[in-house]
PDB file of N, CA and C in Angstrom:
ATOM      1  N   MET A   1     -15.207  20.847   5.203  1.00  0.00           N
ATOM      2  CA  MET A   1     -14.530  21.257   3.995  1.00  0.00           C
ATOM      3  C   MET A   1     -13.083  20.730   3.960  1.00  0.00           C
ATOM      4  N   ARG A   2     -12.530  20.539   5.172  1.00  0.00           N
ATOM      5  CA  ARG A   2     -11.152  20.053   5.256  1.00  0.00           C
ATOM      6  C   ARG A   2     -11.011  18.686   4.610  1.00  0.00           C
ATOM      7  N   TYR A   3     -11.967  17.802   4.890  1.00  0.00           N
ATOM      8  CA  TYR A   3     -11.901  16.447   4.345  1.00  0.00           C
ATOM      9  C   TYR A   3     -12.023  16.447   2.822  1.00  0.00           C
ATOM     10  N   VAL A   4     -12.800  17.358   2.297  1.00  0.00           N
ATOM     11  CA  VAL A   4     -12.956  17.450   0.840  1.00  0.00           C
ATOM     12  C   VAL A   4     -11.632  17.866   0.209  1.00  0.00           C
ATOM     13  N   LYS A   5     -10.949  18.834   0.817  1.00  0.00           N
ATOM     14  CA  LYS A   5      -9.648  19.275   0.302  1.00  0.00           C
ATOM     15  C   LYS A   5      -8.630  18.135   0.364  1.00  0.00           C
ATOM     16  N   GLU A   6      -8.591  17.455   1.521  1.00  0.00           N
ATOM     17  CA  GLU A   6      -7.629  16.361   1.679  1.00  0.00           C
ATOM     18  C   GLU A   6      -7.917  15.229   0.700  1.00  0.00           C
ATOM     19  N   ALA A   7      -9.178  14.859   0.573  1.00  0.00           N
ATOM     20  CA  ALA A   7      -9.540  13.796  -0.374  1.00  0.00           C
ATOM     21  C   ALA A   7      -9.244  14.226  -1.794  1.00  0.00           C
ATOM     22  N   GLY A   8      -9.434  15.499  -2.097  1.00  0.00           N
ATOM     23  CA  GLY A   8      -9.122  16.010  -3.432  1.00  0.00           C
ATOM     24  C   GLY A   8      -7.645  15.856  -3.772  1.00  0.00           C
ATOM     25  N   ILE A   9      -6.786  16.130  -2.806  1.00  0.00           N
ATOM     26  CA  ILE A   9      -5.341  15.968  -3.028  1.00  0.00           C
ATOM     27  C   ILE A   9      -5.008  14.499  -3.256  1.00  0.00           C
ATOM     28  N   ILE A  10      -5.546  13.632  -2.403  1.00  0.00           N
ATOM     29  CA  ILE A  10      -5.251  12.197  -2.526  1.00  0.00           C
ATOM     30  C   ILE A  10      -5.769  11.649  -3.847  1.00  0.00           C
ATOM     31  N   PHE A  11      -7.013  11.974  -4.184  1.00  0.00           N
ATOM     32  CA  PHE A  11      -7.588  11.463  -5.431  1.00  0.00           C
ATOM     33  C   PHE A  11      -6.964  12.138  -6.649  1.00  0.00           C
ATOM     34  N   GLY A  12      -6.501  13.364  -6.488  1.00  0.00           N
ATOM     35  CA  GLY A  12      -5.786  14.033  -7.579  1.00  0.00           C
ATOM     36  C   GLY A  12      -4.481  13.327  -7.906  1.00  0.00           C
ATOM     37  N   MET A  13      -3.760  12.918  -6.876  1.00  0.00           N
ATOM     38  CA  MET A  13      -2.525  12.159  -7.099  1.00  0.00           C
ATOM     39  C   MET A  13      -2.842  10.814  -7.751  1.00  0.00           C
ATOM     40  N   SER A  14      -3.938  10.216  -7.333  1.00  0.00           N
ATOM     41  CA  SER A  14      -4.357   8.950  -7.933  1.00  0.00           C
ATOM     42  C   SER A  14      -4.709   9.145  -9.412  1.00  0.00           C
ATOM     43  N   ALA A  15      -5.396  10.234  -9.724  1.00  0.00           N
ATOM     44  CA  ALA A  15      -5.741  10.528 -11.122  1.00  0.00           C
ATOM     45  C   ALA A  15      -4.495  10.795 -11.944  1.00  0.00           C
ATOM     46  N   ALA A  16      -3.516  11.494 -11.358  1.00  0.00           N
ATOM     47  CA  ALA A  16      -2.254  11.724 -12.062  1.00  0.00           C
ATOM     48  C   ALA A  16      -1.546  10.401 -12.322  1.00  0.00           C
ATOM     49  N   GLY A  17      -1.659   9.460 -11.384  1.00  0.00           N
ATOM     50  CA  GLY A  17      -1.092   8.129 -11.593  1.00  0.00           C
ATOM     51  C   GLY A  17      -1.769   7.407 -12.745  1.00  0.00           C
ATOM     52  N   GLU A  18      -3.092   7.579 -12.862  1.00  0.00           N
ATOM     53  CA  GLU A  18      -3.821   6.985 -13.999  1.00  0.00           C
ATOM     54  C   GLU A  18      -3.321   7.564 -15.322  1.00  0.00           C
ATOM     55  N   ILE A  19      -3.088   8.860 -15.353  1.00  0.00           N
ATOM     56  CA  ILE A  19      -2.583   9.507 -16.569  1.00  0.00           C
ATOM     57  C   ILE A  19      -1.193   8.978 -16.907  1.00  0.00           C
ATOM     58  N   LEU A  20      -0.321   8.897 -15.893  1.00  0.00           N
ATOM     59  CA  LEU A  20       1.020   8.360 -16.141  1.00  0.00           C
ATOM     60  C   LEU A  20       0.959   6.928 -16.638  1.00  0.00           C
ATOM     61  N   ASN A  21       0.030   6.154 -16.114  1.00  0.00           N
ATOM     62  CA  ASN A  21      -0.119   4.768 -16.542  1.00  0.00           C
ATOM     63  C   ASN A  21      -0.465   4.693 -18.032  1.00  0.00           C
ATOM     64  N   GLN A  22      -1.251   5.630 -18.504  1.00  0.00           N
ATOM     65  CA  GLN A  22      -1.613   5.660 -19.927  1.00  0.00           C
ATOM     66  C   GLN A  22      -0.466   6.155 -20.799  1.00  0.00           C
ATOM     67  N   LEU A  23       0.349   7.066 -20.265  1.00  0.00           N
ATOM     68  CA  LEU A  23       1.412   7.686 -21.055  1.00  0.00           C
ATOM     69  C   LEU A  23       2.697   6.866 -21.097  1.00  0.00           C
ATOM     70  N   LEU A  24       3.044   6.223 -19.986  1.00  0.00           N
ATOM     71  CA  LEU A  24       4.312   5.505 -19.915  1.00  0.00           C
ATOM     72  C   LEU A  24       4.124   4.039 -20.307  1.00  0.00           C
ATOM     73  N   PRO A  25       5.105   3.470 -20.989  1.00  0.00           N
ATOM     74  CA  PRO A  25       4.950   2.096 -21.495  1.00  0.00           C
ATOM     75  C   PRO A  25       5.377   1.014 -20.504  1.00  0.00           C
ATOM     76  N   PHE A  26       5.452   1.339 -19.215  1.00  0.00           N
ATOM     77  CA  PHE A  26       5.921   0.370 -18.233  1.00  0.00           C
ATOM     78  C   PHE A  26       4.753  -0.418 -17.643  1.00  0.00           C
ATOM     79  N   PRO A  27       4.978  -1.676 -17.266  1.00  0.00           N
ATOM     80  CA  PRO A  27       3.894  -2.483 -16.679  1.00  0.00           C
ATOM     81  C   PRO A  27       3.736  -2.220 -15.183  1.00  0.00           C
ATOM     82  N   VAL A  28       3.457  -0.980 -14.846  1.00  0.00           N
ATOM     83  CA  VAL A  28       3.308  -0.562 -13.454  1.00  0.00           C
ATOM     84  C   VAL A  28       1.856  -0.145 -13.239  1.00  0.00           C
ATOM     85  N   PRO A  29       1.209  -0.616 -12.194  1.00  0.00           N
ATOM     86  CA  PRO A  29      -0.176  -0.221 -11.938  1.00  0.00           C
ATOM     87  C   PRO A  29      -0.293   1.284 -11.689  1.00  0.00           C
ATOM     88  N   ALA A  30      -1.411   1.842 -12.077  1.00  0.00           N
ATOM     89  CA  ALA A  30      -1.640   3.278 -11.925  1.00  0.00           C
ATOM     90  C   ALA A  30      -1.565   3.705 -10.464  1.00  0.00           C
ATOM     91  N   GLY A  31      -2.054   2.853  -9.557  1.00  0.00           N
ATOM     92  CA  GLY A  31      -2.009   3.190  -8.142  1.00  0.00           C
ATOM     93  C   GLY A  31      -0.594   3.370  -7.621  1.00  0.00           C
ATOM     94  N   VAL A  32       0.337   2.595  -8.162  1.00  0.00           N
ATOM     95  CA  VAL A  32       1.734   2.708  -7.743  1.00  0.00           C
ATOM     96  C   VAL A  32       2.302   4.048  -8.204  1.00  0.00           C
ATOM     97  N   TYR A  33       1.984   4.445  -9.428  1.00  0.00           N
ATOM     98  CA  TYR A  33       2.406   5.767  -9.900  1.00  0.00           C
ATOM     99  C   TYR A  33       1.857   6.857  -8.990  1.00  0.00           C
ATOM    100  N   GLY A  34       0.584   6.753  -8.634  1.00  0.00           N
ATOM    101  CA  GLY A  34      -0.027   7.748  -7.763  1.00  0.00           C
ATOM    102  C   GLY A  34       0.636   7.794  -6.395  1.00  0.00           C
ATOM    103  N   LEU A  35       0.955   6.624  -5.840  1.00  0.00           N
ATOM    104  CA  LEU A  35       1.620   6.586  -4.542  1.00  0.00           C
ATOM    105  C   LEU A  35       3.004   7.217  -4.604  1.00  0.00           C
ATOM    106  N   PHE A  36       3.740   6.954  -5.678  1.00  0.00           N
ATOM    107  CA  PHE A  36       5.061   7.563  -5.814  1.00  0.00           C
ATOM    108  C   PHE A  36       4.960   9.071  -6.003  1.00  0.00           C
ATOM    109  N   LEU A  37       3.968   9.521  -6.760  1.00  0.00           N
ATOM    110  CA  LEU A  37       3.775  10.969  -6.913  1.00  0.00           C
ATOM    111  C   LEU A  37       3.472  11.613  -5.564  1.00  0.00           C
ATOM    112  N   LEU A  38       2.622  10.972  -4.774  1.00  0.00           N
ATOM    113  CA  LEU A  38       2.299  11.506  -3.453  1.00  0.00           C
ATOM    114  C   LEU A  38       3.526  11.488  -2.547  1.00  0.00           C
ATOM    115  N   LEU A  39       4.311  10.421  -2.603  1.00  0.00           N
ATOM    116  CA  LEU A  39       5.536  10.337  -1.813  1.00  0.00           C
ATOM    117  C   LEU A  39       6.494  11.464  -2.184  1.00  0.00           C
ATOM    118  N   ILE A  40       6.685  11.685  -3.472  1.00  0.00           N
ATOM    119  CA  ILE A  40       7.580  12.750  -3.928  1.00  0.00           C
ATOM    120  C   ILE A  40       7.061  14.113  -3.475  1.00  0.00           C
ATOM    121  N   ALA A  41       5.749  14.324  -3.604  1.00  0.00           N
ATOM    122  CA  ALA A  41       5.164  15.598  -3.181  1.00  0.00           C
ATOM    123  C   ALA A  41       5.342  15.816  -1.680  1.00  0.00           C
ATOM    124  N   LEU A  42       5.213  14.755  -0.890  1.00  0.00           N
ATOM    125  CA  LEU A  42       5.408  14.879   0.555  1.00  0.00           C
ATOM    126  C   LEU A  42       6.874  15.123   0.902  1.00  0.00           C
ATOM    127  N   MET A  43       7.782  14.409   0.226  1.00  0.00           N
ATOM    128  CA  MET A  43       9.206  14.555   0.528  1.00  0.00           C
ATOM    129  C   MET A  43       9.754  15.917   0.112  1.00  0.00           C
ATOM    130  N   THR A  44       9.235  16.473  -0.960  1.00  0.00           N
ATOM    131  CA  THR A  44       9.716  17.776  -1.421  1.00  0.00           C
ATOM    132  C   THR A  44       9.025  18.940  -0.726  1.00  0.00           C
ATOM    133  N   GLY A  45       7.966  18.672   0.013  1.00  0.00           N
ATOM    134  CA  GLY A  45       7.260  19.731   0.716  1.00  0.00           C
ATOM    135  C   GLY A  45       6.170  20.394  -0.108  1.00  0.00           C
ATOM    136  N   ILE A  46       5.949  19.907  -1.320  1.00  0.00           N
ATOM    137  CA  ILE A  46       4.868  20.455  -2.150  1.00  0.00           C
ATOM    138  C   ILE A  46       3.531  20.227  -1.442  1.00  0.00           C
ATOM    139  N   VAL A  47       3.401  19.054  -0.836  1.00  0.00           N
ATOM    140  CA  VAL A  47       2.222  18.712  -0.040  1.00  0.00           C
ATOM    141  C   VAL A  47       2.702  18.478   1.383  1.00  0.00           C
ATOM    142  N   LYS A  48       2.036  19.075   2.340  1.00  0.00           N
ATOM    143  CA  LYS A  48       2.381  18.899   3.755  1.00  0.00           C
ATOM    144  C   LYS A  48       1.564  17.751   4.339  1.00  0.00           C
ATOM    145  N   LEU A  49       2.187  16.996   5.231  1.00  0.00           N
ATOM    146  CA  LEU A  49       1.516  15.866   5.858  1.00  0.00           C
ATOM    147  C   LEU A  49       0.243  16.303   6.579  1.00  0.00           C
ATOM    148  N   GLU A  50       0.284  17.473   7.191  1.00  0.00           N
ATOM    149  CA  GLU A  50      -0.881  17.976   7.915  1.00  0.00           C
ATOM    150  C   GLU A  50      -2.083  18.159   6.995  1.00  0.00           C
ATOM    151  N   TRP A  51      -1.828  18.383   5.709  1.00  0.00           N
ATOM    152  CA  TRP A  51      -2.908  18.582   4.735  1.00  0.00           C
ATOM    153  C   TRP A  51      -3.669  17.295   4.467  1.00  0.00           C
ATOM    154  N   LEU A  52      -3.062  16.156   4.758  1.00  0.00           N
ATOM    155  CA  LEU A  52      -3.650  14.859   4.411  1.00  0.00           C
ATOM    156  C   LEU A  52      -3.936  13.975   5.615  1.00  0.00           C
ATOM    157  N   GLU A  53      -3.511  14.392   6.774  1.00  0.00           N
ATOM    158  CA  GLU A  53      -3.497  13.499   7.931  1.00  0.00           C
ATOM    159  C   GLU A  53      -4.878  12.967   8.319  1.00  0.00           C
ATOM    160  N   ALA A  54      -5.868  13.816   8.428  1.00  0.00           N
ATOM    161  CA  ALA A  54      -7.185  13.369   8.911  1.00  0.00           C
ATOM    162  C   ALA A  54      -7.826  12.384   7.928  1.00  0.00           C
ATOM    163  N   THR A  55      -7.841  12.731   6.652  1.00  0.00           N
ATOM    164  CA  THR A  55      -8.452  11.841   5.658  1.00  0.00           C
ATOM    165  C   THR A  55      -7.627  10.571   5.486  1.00  0.00           C
ATOM    166  N   GLY A  56      -6.302  10.702   5.496  1.00  0.00           N
ATOM    167  CA  GLY A  56      -5.440   9.520   5.391  1.00  0.00           C
ATOM    168  C   GLY A  56      -5.658   8.555   6.531  1.00  0.00           C
ATOM    169  N   ASN A  57      -5.792   9.079   7.740  1.00  0.00           N
ATOM    170  CA  ASN A  57      -6.062   8.207   8.897  1.00  0.00           C
ATOM    171  C   ASN A  57      -7.420   7.539   8.777  1.00  0.00           C
ATOM    172  N   TRP A  58      -8.416   8.283   8.291  1.00  0.00           N
ATOM    173  CA  TRP A  58      -9.734   7.683   8.113  1.00  0.00           C
ATOM    174  C   TRP A  58      -9.674   6.562   7.072  1.00  0.00           C
ATOM    175  N   LEU A  59      -8.964   6.791   5.963  1.00  0.00           N
ATOM    176  CA  LEU A  59      -8.839   5.755   4.936  1.00  0.00           C
ATOM    177  C   LEU A  59      -8.125   4.519   5.490  1.00  0.00           C
ATOM    178  N   LEU A  60      -7.105   4.726   6.310  1.00  0.00           N
ATOM    179  CA  LEU A  60      -6.415   3.584   6.927  1.00  0.00           C
ATOM    180  C   LEU A  60      -7.335   2.834   7.885  1.00  0.00           C
ATOM    181  N   ASP A  61      -8.158   3.568   8.620  1.00  0.00           N
ATOM    182  CA  ASP A  61      -9.101   2.917   9.526  1.00  0.00           C
ATOM    183  C   ASP A  61     -10.144   2.100   8.759  1.00  0.00           C
ATOM    184  N   ALA A  62     -10.510   2.546   7.557  1.00  0.00           N
ATOM    185  CA  ALA A  62     -11.529   1.858   6.763  1.00  0.00           C
ATOM    186  C   ALA A  62     -10.950   0.735   5.907  1.00  0.00           C
ATOM    187  N   MET A  63      -9.625   0.626   5.839  1.00  0.00           N
ATOM    188  CA  MET A  63      -8.995  -0.341   4.947  1.00  0.00           C
ATOM    189  C   MET A  63      -9.405  -1.793   5.204  1.00  0.00           C
ATOM    190  N   PRO A  64      -9.548  -2.251   6.443  1.00  0.00           N
ATOM    191  CA  PRO A  64      -9.933  -3.662   6.650  1.00  0.00           C
ATOM    192  C   PRO A  64     -11.231  -4.045   5.953  1.00  0.00           C
ATOM    193  N   ILE A  65     -12.127  -3.095   5.785  1.00  0.00           N
ATOM    194  CA  ILE A  65     -13.397  -3.380   5.106  1.00  0.00           C
ATOM    195  C   ILE A  65     -13.146  -3.835   3.667  1.00  0.00           C
ATOM    196  N   MET A  66     -12.079  -3.331   3.069  1.00  0.00           N
ATOM    197  CA  MET A  66     -11.784  -3.665   1.671  1.00  0.00           C
ATOM    198  C   MET A  66     -11.372  -5.128   1.492  1.00  0.00           C
ATOM    199  N   PHE A  67     -10.982  -5.798   2.563  1.00  0.00           N
ATOM    200  CA  PHE A  67     -10.565  -7.192   2.466  1.00  0.00           C
ATOM    201  C   PHE A  67     -11.732  -8.167   2.577  1.00  0.00           C
ATOM    202  N   VAL A  68     -12.890  -7.693   2.977  1.00  0.00           N
ATOM    203  CA  VAL A  68     -14.044  -8.572   3.149  1.00  0.00           C
ATOM    204  C   VAL A  68     -14.426  -9.274   1.841  1.00  0.00           C
ATOM    205  N   PRO A  69     -14.533  -8.562   0.702  1.00  0.00           N
ATOM    206  CA  PRO A  69     -14.907  -9.271  -0.534  1.00  0.00           C
ATOM    207  C   PRO A  69     -13.909 -10.365  -0.925  1.00  0.00           C
ATOM    208  N   ALA A  70     -12.623 -10.123  -0.730  1.00  0.00           N
ATOM    209  CA  ALA A  70     -11.622 -11.143  -1.064  1.00  0.00           C
ATOM    210  C   ALA A  70     -11.786 -12.368  -0.170  1.00  0.00           C
ATOM    211  N   CYS A  71     -12.027 -12.148   1.098  1.00  0.00           N
ATOM    212  CA  CYS A  71     -12.225 -13.282   2.030  1.00  0.00           C
ATOM    213  C   CYS A  71     -13.478 -14.066   1.682  1.00  0.00           C
ATOM    214  N   VAL A  72     -14.545 -13.360   1.334  1.00  0.00           N
ATOM    215  CA  VAL A  72     -15.780 -14.042   0.952  1.00  0.00           C
ATOM    216  C   VAL A  72     -15.560 -14.848  -0.325  1.00  0.00           C
ATOM    217  N   GLY A  73     -14.807 -14.277  -1.265  1.00  0.00           N
ATOM    218  CA  GLY A  73     -14.503 -14.996  -2.507  1.00  0.00           C
ATOM    219  C   GLY A  73     -13.733 -16.271  -2.253  1.00  0.00           C
ATOM    220  N   ILE A  74     -12.781 -16.223  -1.324  1.00  0.00           N
ATOM    221  CA  ILE A  74     -12.021 -17.430  -0.980  1.00  0.00           C
ATOM    222  C   ILE A  74     -12.932 -18.457  -0.325  1.00  0.00           C
ATOM    223  N   MET A  75     -13.828 -17.992   0.546  1.00  0.00           N
ATOM    224  CA  MET A  75     -14.745 -18.932   1.211  1.00  0.00           C
ATOM    225  C   MET A  75     -15.695 -19.582   0.209  1.00  0.00           C
ATOM    226  N   GLU A  76     -16.145 -18.815  -0.782  1.00  0.00           N
ATOM    227  CA  GLU A  76     -17.042 -19.374  -1.788  1.00  0.00           C
ATOM    228  C   GLU A  76     -16.326 -20.340  -2.718  1.00  0.00           C
ATOM    229  N   SER A  77     -15.028 -20.155  -2.911  1.00  0.00           N
ATOM    230  CA  SER A  77     -14.254 -21.002  -3.819  1.00  0.00           C
ATOM    231  C   SER A  77     -13.484 -22.082  -3.077  1.00  0.00           C
ATOM    232  N   PHE A  78     -13.849 -22.352  -1.844  1.00  0.00           N
ATOM    233  CA  PHE A  78     -13.067 -23.295  -1.044  1.00  0.00           C
ATOM    234  C   PHE A  78     -13.041 -24.687  -1.647  1.00  0.00           C
ATOM    235  N   SER A  79     -14.118 -25.097  -2.316  1.00  0.00           N
ATOM    236  CA  SER A  79     -14.117 -26.443  -2.905  1.00  0.00           C
ATOM    237  C   SER A  79     -13.035 -26.564  -3.986  1.00  0.00           C
ATOM    238  N   GLU A  80     -12.828 -25.502  -4.772  1.00  0.00           N
ATOM    239  CA  GLU A  80     -11.749 -25.515  -5.775  1.00  0.00           C
ATOM    240  C   GLU A  80     -10.385 -25.372  -5.107  1.00  0.00           C
ATOM    241  N   LEU A  81     -10.356 -24.613  -4.026  1.00  0.00           N
ATOM    242  CA  LEU A  81      -9.102 -24.367  -3.320  1.00  0.00           C
ATOM    243  C   LEU A  81      -8.626 -25.604  -2.566  1.00  0.00           C
ATOM    244  N   ARG A  82      -9.545 -26.476  -2.174  1.00  0.00           N
ATOM    245  CA  ARG A  82      -9.199 -27.663  -1.395  1.00  0.00           C
ATOM    246  C   ARG A  82      -8.152 -28.521  -2.118  1.00  0.00           C
ATOM    247  N   ALA A  83      -8.220 -28.586  -3.435  1.00  0.00           N
ATOM    248  CA  ALA A  83      -7.275 -29.421  -4.192  1.00  0.00           C
ATOM    249  C   ALA A  83      -5.839 -28.901  -4.088  1.00  0.00           C
ATOM    250  N   VAL A  84      -5.679 -27.610  -3.895  1.00  0.00           N
ATOM    251  CA  VAL A  84      -4.339 -27.020  -3.811  1.00  0.00           C
ATOM    252  C   VAL A  84      -4.112 -26.356  -2.450  1.00  0.00           C
ATOM    253  N   LEU A  85      -4.815 -26.825  -1.440  1.00  0.00           N
ATOM    254  CA  LEU A  85      -4.767 -26.189  -0.125  1.00  0.00           C
ATOM    255  C   LEU A  85      -3.374 -26.214   0.491  1.00  0.00           C
ATOM    256  N   VAL A  86      -2.711 -27.346   0.450  1.00  0.00           N
ATOM    257  CA  VAL A  86      -1.387 -27.449   1.074  1.00  0.00           C
ATOM    258  C   VAL A  86      -0.388 -26.505   0.386  1.00  0.00           C
ATOM    259  N   PRO A  87      -0.253 -26.545  -0.954  1.00  0.00           N
ATOM    260  CA  PRO A  87       0.676 -25.586  -1.578  1.00  0.00           C
ATOM    261  C   PRO A  87       0.265 -24.126  -1.314  1.00  0.00           C
ATOM    262  N   PHE A  88      -1.028 -23.858  -1.262  1.00  0.00           N
ATOM    263  CA  PHE A  88      -1.515 -22.510  -1.002  1.00  0.00           C
ATOM    264  C   PHE A  88      -1.082 -22.044   0.393  1.00  0.00           C
ATOM    265  N   VAL A  89      -1.298 -22.879   1.396  1.00  0.00           N
ATOM    266  CA  VAL A  89      -0.935 -22.516   2.767  1.00  0.00           C
ATOM    267  C   VAL A  89       0.576 -22.372   2.901  1.00  0.00           C
ATOM    268  N   VAL A  90       1.338 -23.287   2.302  1.00  0.00           N
ATOM    269  CA  VAL A  90       2.797 -23.198   2.365  1.00  0.00           C
ATOM    270  C   VAL A  90       3.279 -21.905   1.703  1.00  0.00           C
ATOM    271  N   THR A  91       2.717 -21.566   0.555  1.00  0.00           N
ATOM    272  CA  THR A  91       3.094 -20.333  -0.139  1.00  0.00           C
ATOM    273  C   THR A  91       2.783 -19.110   0.709  1.00  0.00           C
ATOM    274  N   VAL A  92       1.613 -19.094   1.318  1.00  0.00           N
ATOM    275  CA  VAL A  92       1.239 -17.958   2.166  1.00  0.00           C
ATOM    276  C   VAL A  92       2.187 -17.850   3.358  1.00  0.00           C
ATOM    277  N   LEU A  93       2.483 -18.956   4.020  1.00  0.00           N
ATOM    278  CA  LEU A  93       3.362 -18.917   5.189  1.00  0.00           C
ATOM    279  C   LEU A  93       4.783 -18.505   4.820  1.00  0.00           C
ATOM    280  N   VAL A  94       5.331 -19.102   3.764  1.00  0.00           N
ATOM    281  CA  VAL A  94       6.706 -18.771   3.354  1.00  0.00           C
ATOM    282  C   VAL A  94       6.801 -17.310   2.930  1.00  0.00           C
ATOM    283  N   SER A  95       5.855 -16.852   2.132  1.00  0.00           N
ATOM    284  CA  SER A  95       5.919 -15.457   1.682  1.00  0.00           C
ATOM    285  C   SER A  95       5.734 -14.492   2.844  1.00  0.00           C
ATOM    286  N   THR A  96       4.905 -14.847   3.824  1.00  0.00           N
ATOM    287  CA  THR A  96       4.725 -13.981   4.990  1.00  0.00           C
ATOM    288  C   THR A  96       6.017 -13.875   5.789  1.00  0.00           C
ATOM    289  N   VAL A  97       6.672 -15.009   6.024  1.00  0.00           N
ATOM    290  CA  VAL A  97       7.939 -15.001   6.760  1.00  0.00           C
ATOM    291  C   VAL A  97       8.989 -14.203   5.990  1.00  0.00           C
ATOM    292  N   LEU A  98       9.055 -14.376   4.683  1.00  0.00           N
ATOM    293  CA  LEU A  98      10.012 -13.613   3.883  1.00  0.00           C
ATOM    294  C   LEU A  98       9.741 -12.119   3.954  1.00  0.00           C
ATOM    295  N   VAL A  99       8.489 -11.726   3.863  1.00  0.00           N
ATOM    296  CA  VAL A  99       8.153 -10.299   3.933  1.00  0.00           C
ATOM    297  C   VAL A  99       8.526  -9.744   5.306  1.00  0.00           C
ATOM    298  N   PHE A 100       8.225 -10.481   6.381  1.00  0.00           N
ATOM    299  CA  PHE A 100       8.616 -10.035   7.717  1.00  0.00           C
ATOM    300  C   PHE A 100      10.131  -9.858   7.800  1.00  0.00           C
ATOM    301  N   GLY A 101      10.872 -10.855   7.314  1.00  0.00           N
ATOM    302  CA  GLY A 101      12.327 -10.800   7.385  1.00  0.00           C
ATOM    303  C   GLY A 101      12.919  -9.654   6.590  1.00  0.00           C
ATOM    304  N   VAL A 102      12.475  -9.499   5.364  1.00  0.00           N
ATOM    305  CA  VAL A 102      13.000  -8.421   4.519  1.00  0.00           C
ATOM    306  C   VAL A 102      12.631  -7.060   5.102  1.00  0.00           C
ATOM    307  N   THR A 103      11.408  -6.920   5.571  1.00  0.00           N
ATOM    308  CA  THR A 103      10.990  -5.654   6.165  1.00  0.00           C
ATOM    309  C   THR A 103      11.821  -5.328   7.399  1.00  0.00           C
ATOM    310  N   GLY A 104      12.057  -6.317   8.238  1.00  0.00           N
ATOM    311  CA  GLY A 104      12.887  -6.103   9.425  1.00  0.00           C
ATOM    312  C   GLY A 104      14.306  -5.707   9.063  1.00  0.00           C
ATOM    313  N   ARG A 105      14.892  -6.392   8.093  1.00  0.00           N
ATOM    314  CA  ARG A 105      16.262  -6.072   7.669  1.00  0.00           C
ATOM    315  C   ARG A 105      16.350  -4.668   7.086  1.00  0.00           C
ATOM    316  N   VAL A 106      15.385  -4.307   6.260  1.00  0.00           N
ATOM    317  CA  VAL A 106      15.390  -2.963   5.668  1.00  0.00           C
ATOM    318  C   VAL A 106      15.224  -1.913   6.761  1.00  0.00           C
ATOM    319  N   ALA A 107      14.340  -2.161   7.716  1.00  0.00           N
ATOM    320  CA  ALA A 107      14.154  -1.217   8.820  1.00  0.00           C
ATOM    321  C   ALA A 107      15.443  -1.074   9.629  1.00  0.00           C
ATOM    322  N   GLN A 108      16.125  -2.177   9.910  1.00  0.00           N
ATOM    323  CA  GLN A 108      17.390  -2.111  10.633  1.00  0.00           C
ATOM    324  C   GLN A 108      18.433  -1.333   9.834  1.00  0.00           C
ATOM    325  N   TRP A 109      18.486  -1.562   8.538  1.00  0.00           N
ATOM    326  CA  TRP A 109      19.447  -0.861   7.686  1.00  0.00           C
ATOM    327  C   TRP A 109      19.188   0.641   7.697  1.00  0.00           C
ATOM    328  N   ILE A 110      17.914   1.024   7.619  1.00  0.00           N
ATOM    329  CA  ILE A 110      17.571   2.447   7.625  1.00  0.00           C
ATOM    330  C   ILE A 110      17.934   3.069   8.964  1.00  0.00           C
ATOM    331  N   ILE A 111      17.658   2.374  10.056  1.00  0.00           N
ATOM    332  CA  ILE A 111      17.985   2.897  11.385  1.00  0.00           C
ATOM    333  C   ILE A 111      19.492   3.081  11.524  1.00  0.00           C
ATOM    334  N   ARG A 112      20.269   2.080  11.101  1.00  0.00           N
ATOM    335  CA  ARG A 112      21.732   2.191  11.171  1.00  0.00           C
ATOM    336  C   ARG A 112      22.241   3.314  10.285  1.00  0.00           C
ATOM    337  N   ARG A 113      21.666   3.445   9.103  1.00  0.00           N
ATOM    338  CA  ARG A 113      22.104   4.476   8.149  1.00  0.00           C
ATOM    339  C   ARG A 113      21.862   5.873   8.698  1.00  0.00           C
ATOM    340  N   LYS A 114      20.767   6.050   9.413  1.00  0.00           N
ATOM    341  CA  LYS A 114      20.461   7.345   9.995  1.00  0.00           C
ATOM    342  C   LYS A 114      21.248   7.583  11.279  1.00  0.00           C
ATOM    343  N   GLY A 115      21.933   6.554  11.776  1.00  0.00           N
ATOM    344  CA  GLY A 115      22.725   6.706  12.981  1.00  0.00           C
ATOM    345  C   GLY A 115      21.927   6.620  14.261  1.00  0.00           C
ATOM    346  N   GLY A 116      20.728   6.118  14.146  1.00  0.00           N
ATOM    347  CA  GLY A 116      19.871   5.977  15.321  1.00  0.00           C
ATOM    348  C   GLY A 116      20.221   4.741  16.120  1.00  0.00           C
ATOM    349  N   ARG A 117      19.702   4.704  17.317  1.00  0.00           N
ATOM    350  CA  ARG A 117      19.916   3.533  18.160  1.00  0.00           C
ATOM    351  C   ARG A 117      18.938   2.443  17.784  1.00  0.00           C
ATOM    352  N   GLN A 118      19.404   1.236  17.872  1.00  0.00           N
ATOM    353  CA  GLN A 118      18.551   0.089  17.593  1.00  0.00           C
ATOM    354  C   GLN A 118      18.354  -0.684  18.887  1.00  0.00           C
ATOM    355  N   GLU A 119      17.112  -0.938  19.222  1.00  0.00           N
ATOM    356  CA  GLU A 119      16.790  -1.632  20.476  1.00  0.00           C
ATOM    357  C   GLU A 119      16.863  -3.118  20.249  1.00  0.00           C
TER     358      GLU A 119
END
């Protein structure tokens, strides 16, 4: 019954995000609204992390399965992709390095802001 309650909270936030997506005129995906609602609920204490931990961990463990269809689609479209393979690979590599760099800088900034030690 615990998993049903936890999934209900997660999917409820997702449904609220869908409603916000219909009501607000911004070009923001419904899932992003749902994630922000869940973040706000967790930060304010309306929802406790313990209420979501088991189901959230299970969803994170199952996440790699969700990438299989995208990988298969790329493999099936490789003949079309071959014409733009070099720009595609360069874009993927550059964007990956940028994401790593920005994430590292933001993490360092947060650690310094909180006054924690940085290794």
